PDB file of N, CA and C in Angstrom:
ATOM      1  N   MET A   1      14.182  10.463  21.437  1.00  0.00           N
ATOM      2  CA  MET A   1      14.778   9.304  22.026  1.00  0.00           C
ATOM      3  C   MET A   1      15.667   8.636  20.982  1.00  0.00           C
ATOM      4  N   ASP A   2      16.937   8.584  21.274  1.00  0.00           N
ATOM      5  CA  ASP A   2      17.904   8.070  20.316  1.00  0.00           C
ATOM      6  C   ASP A   2      18.402   6.670  20.640  1.00  0.00           C
ATOM      7  N   ASP A   3      17.821   6.009  21.605  1.00  0.00           N
ATOM      8  CA  ASP A   3      18.276   4.670  21.980  1.00  0.00           C
ATOM      9  C   ASP A   3      17.883   3.668  20.897  1.00  0.00           C
ATOM     10  N   PRO A   4      18.849   2.942  20.321  1.00  0.00           N
ATOM     11  CA  PRO A   4      18.513   1.982  19.262  1.00  0.00           C
ATOM     12  C   PRO A   4      17.896   0.678  19.785  1.00  0.00           C
ATOM     13  N   THR A   5      17.907   0.478  21.085  1.00  0.00           N
ATOM     14  CA  THR A   5      17.344  -0.744  21.646  1.00  0.00           C
ATOM     15  C   THR A   5      15.822  -0.659  21.618  1.00  0.00           C
ATOM     16  N   PRO A   6      15.166  -1.641  20.965  1.00  0.00           N
ATOM     17  CA  PRO A   6      13.705  -1.566  20.912  1.00  0.00           C
ATOM     18  C   PRO A   6      13.086  -1.805  22.283  1.00  0.00           C
ATOM     19  N   GLY A   7      11.971  -1.194  22.507  1.00  0.00           N
ATOM     20  CA  GLY A   7      11.248  -1.383  23.756  1.00  0.00           C
ATOM     21  C   GLY A   7       9.917  -2.061  23.495  1.00  0.00           C
ATOM     22  N   LEU A   8       9.385  -2.648  24.509  1.00  0.00           N
ATOM     23  CA  LEU A   8       8.095  -3.304  24.413  1.00  0.00           C
ATOM     24  C   LEU A   8       7.359  -3.041  25.705  1.00  0.00           C
ATOM     25  N   SER A   9       6.169  -2.511  25.605  1.00  0.00           N
ATOM     26  CA  SER A   9       5.409  -2.251  26.823  1.00  0.00           C
ATOM     27  C   SER A   9       4.058  -2.935  26.726  1.00  0.00           C
ATOM     28  N   THR A  10       3.560  -3.313  27.861  1.00  0.00           N
ATOM     29  CA  THR A  10       2.247  -3.935  27.938  1.00  0.00           C
ATOM     30  C   THR A  10       1.452  -3.230  29.026  1.00  0.00           C
ATOM     31  N   VAL A  11       0.179  -3.389  28.984  1.00  0.00           N
ATOM     32  CA  VAL A  11      -0.705  -2.778  29.965  1.00  0.00           C
ATOM     33  C   VAL A  11      -0.713  -3.620  31.237  1.00  0.00           C
ATOM     34  N   PHE A  12      -0.693  -2.950  32.369  1.00  0.00           N
ATOM     35  CA  PHE A  12      -0.808  -3.640  33.648  1.00  0.00           C
ATOM     36  C   PHE A  12      -2.283  -3.724  33.994  1.00  0.00           C
ATOM     37  N   ALA A  13      -2.758  -4.923  34.189  1.00  0.00           N
ATOM     38  CA  ALA A  13      -4.157  -5.123  34.566  1.00  0.00           C
ATOM     39  C   ALA A  13      -4.226  -5.399  36.056  1.00  0.00           C
ATOM     40  N   THR A  14      -4.980  -4.587  36.758  1.00  0.00           N
ATOM     41  CA  THR A  14      -5.122  -4.809  38.189  1.00  0.00           C
ATOM     42  C   THR A  14      -6.064  -5.974  38.433  1.00  0.00           C
ATOM     43  N   GLY A  15      -5.914  -6.582  39.556  1.00  0.00           N
ATOM     44  CA  GLY A  15      -6.774  -7.699  39.916  1.00  0.00           C
ATOM     45  C   GLY A  15      -5.958  -8.794  40.577  1.00  0.00           C
ATOM     46  N   MET A  16      -6.637  -9.876  40.882  1.00  0.00           N
ATOM     47  CA  MET A  16      -5.956 -10.982  41.543  1.00  0.00           C
ATOM     48  C   MET A  16      -5.096 -11.745  40.540  1.00  0.00           C
ATOM     49  N   PRO A  17      -4.052 -12.425  41.015  1.00  0.00           N
ATOM     50  CA  PRO A  17      -3.228 -13.244  40.114  1.00  0.00           C
ATOM     51  C   PRO A  17      -4.083 -14.306  39.420  1.00  0.00           C
ATOM     52  N   LEU A  18      -3.708 -14.669  38.209  1.00  0.00           N
ATOM     53  CA  LEU A  18      -4.480 -15.647  37.454  1.00  0.00           C
ATOM     54  C   LEU A  18      -4.606 -16.971  38.183  1.00  0.00           C
ATOM     55  N   ALA A  19      -3.546 -17.407  38.863  1.00  0.00           N
ATOM     56  CA  ALA A  19      -3.605 -18.675  39.596  1.00  0.00           C
ATOM     57  C   ALA A  19      -4.677 -18.615  40.682  1.00  0.00           C
ATOM     58  N   GLU A  20      -4.750 -17.476  41.366  1.00  0.00           N
ATOM     59  CA  GLU A  20      -5.754 -17.314  42.420  1.00  0.00           C
ATOM     60  C   GLU A  20      -7.161 -17.266  41.828  1.00  0.00           C
ATOM     61  N   ALA A  21      -7.323 -16.535  40.733  1.00  0.00           N
ATOM     62  CA  ALA A  21      -8.634 -16.456  40.088  1.00  0.00           C
ATOM     63  C   ALA A  21      -9.076 -17.833  39.600  1.00  0.00           C
ATOM     64  N   GLY A  22      -8.148 -18.586  39.030  1.00  0.00           N
ATOM     65  CA  GLY A  22      -8.482 -19.927  38.562  1.00  0.00           C
ATOM     66  C   GLY A  22      -8.865 -20.852  39.695  1.00  0.00           C
ATOM     67  N   ALA A  23      -8.183 -20.719  40.832  1.00  0.00           N
ATOM     68  CA  ALA A  23      -8.494 -21.556  41.987  1.00  0.00           C
ATOM     69  C   ALA A  23      -9.876 -21.221  42.547  1.00  0.00           C
ATOM     70  N   GLU A  24     -10.231 -19.953  42.534  1.00  0.00           N
ATOM     71  CA  GLU A  24     -11.516 -19.528  43.081  1.00  0.00           C
ATOM     72  C   GLU A  24     -12.677 -19.712  42.113  1.00  0.00           C
ATOM     73  N   GLN A  25     -12.426 -19.462  40.817  1.00  0.00           N
ATOM     74  CA  GLN A  25     -13.525 -19.413  39.852  1.00  0.00           C
ATOM     75  C   GLN A  25     -13.490 -20.534  38.829  1.00  0.00           C
ATOM     76  N   GLY A  26     -12.486 -21.387  38.892  1.00  0.00           N
ATOM     77  CA  GLY A  26     -12.352 -22.446  37.897  1.00  0.00           C
ATOM     78  C   GLY A  26     -11.649 -21.934  36.652  1.00  0.00           C
ATOM     79  N   PRO A  27     -11.406 -22.825  35.713  1.00  0.00           N
ATOM     80  CA  PRO A  27     -10.681 -22.429  34.499  1.00  0.00           C
ATOM     81  C   PRO A  27     -11.456 -21.406  33.673  1.00  0.00           C
ATOM     82  N   PHE A  28     -10.707 -20.574  32.969  1.00  0.00           N
ATOM     83  CA  PHE A  28     -11.316 -19.588  32.085  1.00  0.00           C
ATOM     84  C   PHE A  28     -11.723 -20.281  30.786  1.00  0.00           C
ATOM     85  N   PRO A  29     -12.845 -19.879  30.200  1.00  0.00           N
ATOM     86  CA  PRO A  29     -13.192 -20.418  28.884  1.00  0.00           C
ATOM     87  C   PRO A  29     -12.111 -20.041  27.873  1.00  0.00           C
ATOM     88  N   ALA A  30     -11.760 -20.961  27.018  1.00  0.00           N
ATOM     89  CA  ALA A  30     -10.663 -20.733  26.059  1.00  0.00           C
ATOM     90  C   ALA A  30     -10.883 -19.484  25.224  1.00  0.00           C
ATOM     91  N   GLU A  31     -12.118 -19.233  24.792  1.00  0.00           N
ATOM     92  CA  GLU A  31     -12.359 -18.081  23.919  1.00  0.00           C
ATOM     93  C   GLU A  31     -12.138 -16.752  24.633  1.00  0.00           C
ATOM     94  N   SER A  32     -12.290 -16.703  25.951  1.00  0.00           N
ATOM     95  CA  SER A  32     -12.079 -15.441  26.658  1.00  0.00           C
ATOM     96  C   SER A  32     -10.606 -15.205  26.970  1.00  0.00           C
ATOM     97  N   ALA A  33      -9.785 -16.236  26.888  1.00  0.00           N
ATOM     98  CA  ALA A  33      -8.360 -16.080  27.175  1.00  0.00           C
ATOM     99  C   ALA A  33      -7.527 -15.868  25.914  1.00  0.00           C
ATOM    100  N   ALA A  34      -8.128 -15.991  24.735  1.00  0.00           N
ATOM    101  CA  ALA A  34      -7.373 -15.908  23.480  1.00  0.00           C
ATOM    102  C   ALA A  34      -6.589 -14.608  23.316  1.00  0.00           C
ATOM    103  N   PRO A  35      -7.153 -13.419  23.598  1.00  0.00           N
ATOM    104  CA  PRO A  35      -6.357 -12.191  23.424  1.00  0.00           C
ATOM    105  C   PRO A  35      -5.124 -12.150  24.335  1.00  0.00           C
ATOM    106  N   GLU A  36      -5.285 -12.568  25.579  1.00  0.00           N
ATOM    107  CA  GLU A  36      -4.149 -12.575  26.506  1.00  0.00           C
ATOM    108  C   GLU A  36      -3.107 -13.601  26.079  1.00  0.00           C
ATOM    109  N   GLU A  37      -3.578 -14.745  25.607  1.00  0.00           N
ATOM    110  CA  GLU A  37      -2.650 -15.790  25.171  1.00  0.00           C
ATOM    111  C   GLU A  37      -1.808 -15.319  23.988  1.00  0.00           C
ATOM    112  N   SER A  38      -2.430 -14.667  23.021  1.00  0.00           N
ATOM    113  CA  SER A  38      -1.663 -14.198  21.867  1.00  0.00           C
ATOM    114  C   SER A  38      -0.724 -13.058  22.254  1.00  0.00           C
ATOM    115  N   ALA A  39      -1.139 -12.217  23.193  1.00  0.00           N
ATOM    116  CA  ALA A  39      -0.256 -11.136  23.642  1.00  0.00           C
ATOM    117  C   ALA A  39       0.954 -11.697  24.367  1.00  0.00           C
ATOM    118  N   LEU A  40       0.746 -12.676  25.254  1.00  0.00           N
ATOM    119  CA  LEU A  40       1.882 -13.285  25.956  1.00  0.00           C
ATOM    120  C   LEU A  40       2.792 -14.018  24.988  1.00  0.00           C
ATOM    121  N   ALA A  41       2.226 -14.668  23.987  1.00  0.00           N
ATOM    122  CA  ALA A  41       3.046 -15.346  22.984  1.00  0.00           C
ATOM    123  C   ALA A  41       3.938 -14.346  22.259  1.00  0.00           C
ATOM    124  N   ALA A  42       3.397 -13.158  21.942  1.00  0.00           N
ATOM    125  CA  ALA A  42       4.190 -12.124  21.267  1.00  0.00           C
ATOM    126  C   ALA A  42       5.307 -11.611  22.173  1.00  0.00           C
ATOM    127  N   VAL A  43       5.012 -11.433  23.453  1.00  0.00           N
ATOM    128  CA  VAL A  43       6.034 -10.980  24.405  1.00  0.00           C
ATOM    129  C   VAL A  43       7.143 -12.026  24.499  1.00  0.00           C
ATOM    130  N   HIS A  44       6.768 -13.279  24.619  1.00  0.00           N
ATOM    131  CA  HIS A  44       7.771 -14.348  24.723  1.00  0.00           C
ATOM    132  C   HIS A  44       8.563 -14.494  23.421  1.00  0.00           C
ATOM    133  N   ALA A  45       7.890 -14.356  22.273  1.00  0.00           N
ATOM    134  CA  ALA A  45       8.579 -14.454  20.987  1.00  0.00           C
ATOM    135  C   ALA A  45       9.606 -13.345  20.817  1.00  0.00           C
ATOM    136  N   ALA A  46       9.369 -12.209  21.456  1.00  0.00           N
ATOM    137  CA  ALA A  46      10.308 -11.089  21.395  1.00  0.00           C
ATOM    138  C   ALA A  46      11.467 -11.291  22.364  1.00  0.00           C
ATOM    139  N   GLY A  47      11.457 -12.415  23.089  1.00  0.00           N
ATOM    140  CA  GLY A  47      12.552 -12.695  24.021  1.00  0.00           C
ATOM    141  C   GLY A  47      12.439 -11.933  25.326  1.00  0.00           C
ATOM    142  N   ARG A  48      11.261 -11.474  25.651  1.00  0.00           N
ATOM    143  CA  ARG A  48      11.048 -10.713  26.885  1.00  0.00           C
ATOM    144  C   ARG A  48      10.468 -11.613  27.958  1.00  0.00           C
ATOM    145  N   VAL A  49      10.608 -11.183  29.170  1.00  0.00           N
ATOM    146  CA  VAL A  49      10.016 -11.892  30.296  1.00  0.00           C
ATOM    147  C   VAL A  49       9.013 -10.959  30.955  1.00  0.00           C
ATOM    148  N   HIS A  50       8.136 -11.521  31.736  1.00  0.00           N
ATOM    149  CA  HIS A  50       7.148 -10.719  32.427  1.00  0.00           C
ATOM    150  C   HIS A  50       7.066 -11.176  33.871  1.00  0.00           C
ATOM    151  N   ARG A  51       6.530 -10.317  34.687  1.00  0.00           N
ATOM    152  CA  ARG A  51       6.329 -10.674  36.093  1.00  0.00           C
ATOM    153  C   ARG A  51       4.949 -11.262  36.256  1.00  0.00           C
ATOM    154  N   THR A  52       4.846 -12.217  37.164  1.00  0.00           N
ATOM    155  CA  THR A  52       3.535 -12.799  37.440  1.00  0.00           C
ATOM    156  C   THR A  52       3.144 -12.496  38.847  1.00  0.00           C
TER     157      THR A  52
END
C-alpha cells in the first residue's frame, strides 16, 4: 500500500446506541467508560469523525 495518507480504524461494537443504553440503564460508572473516552479523544485529536 503506497498511499501516504494515514488511516485510522476502530473496532465496531455491536449493541444499542449509548443514548438508548443510558436512557434504559442510567449513566455508566466513570471508571467503566474511561477506555472508550480515551479512544474517542484520540480519534477526535486526529481530526477524524465517527458515526453514532
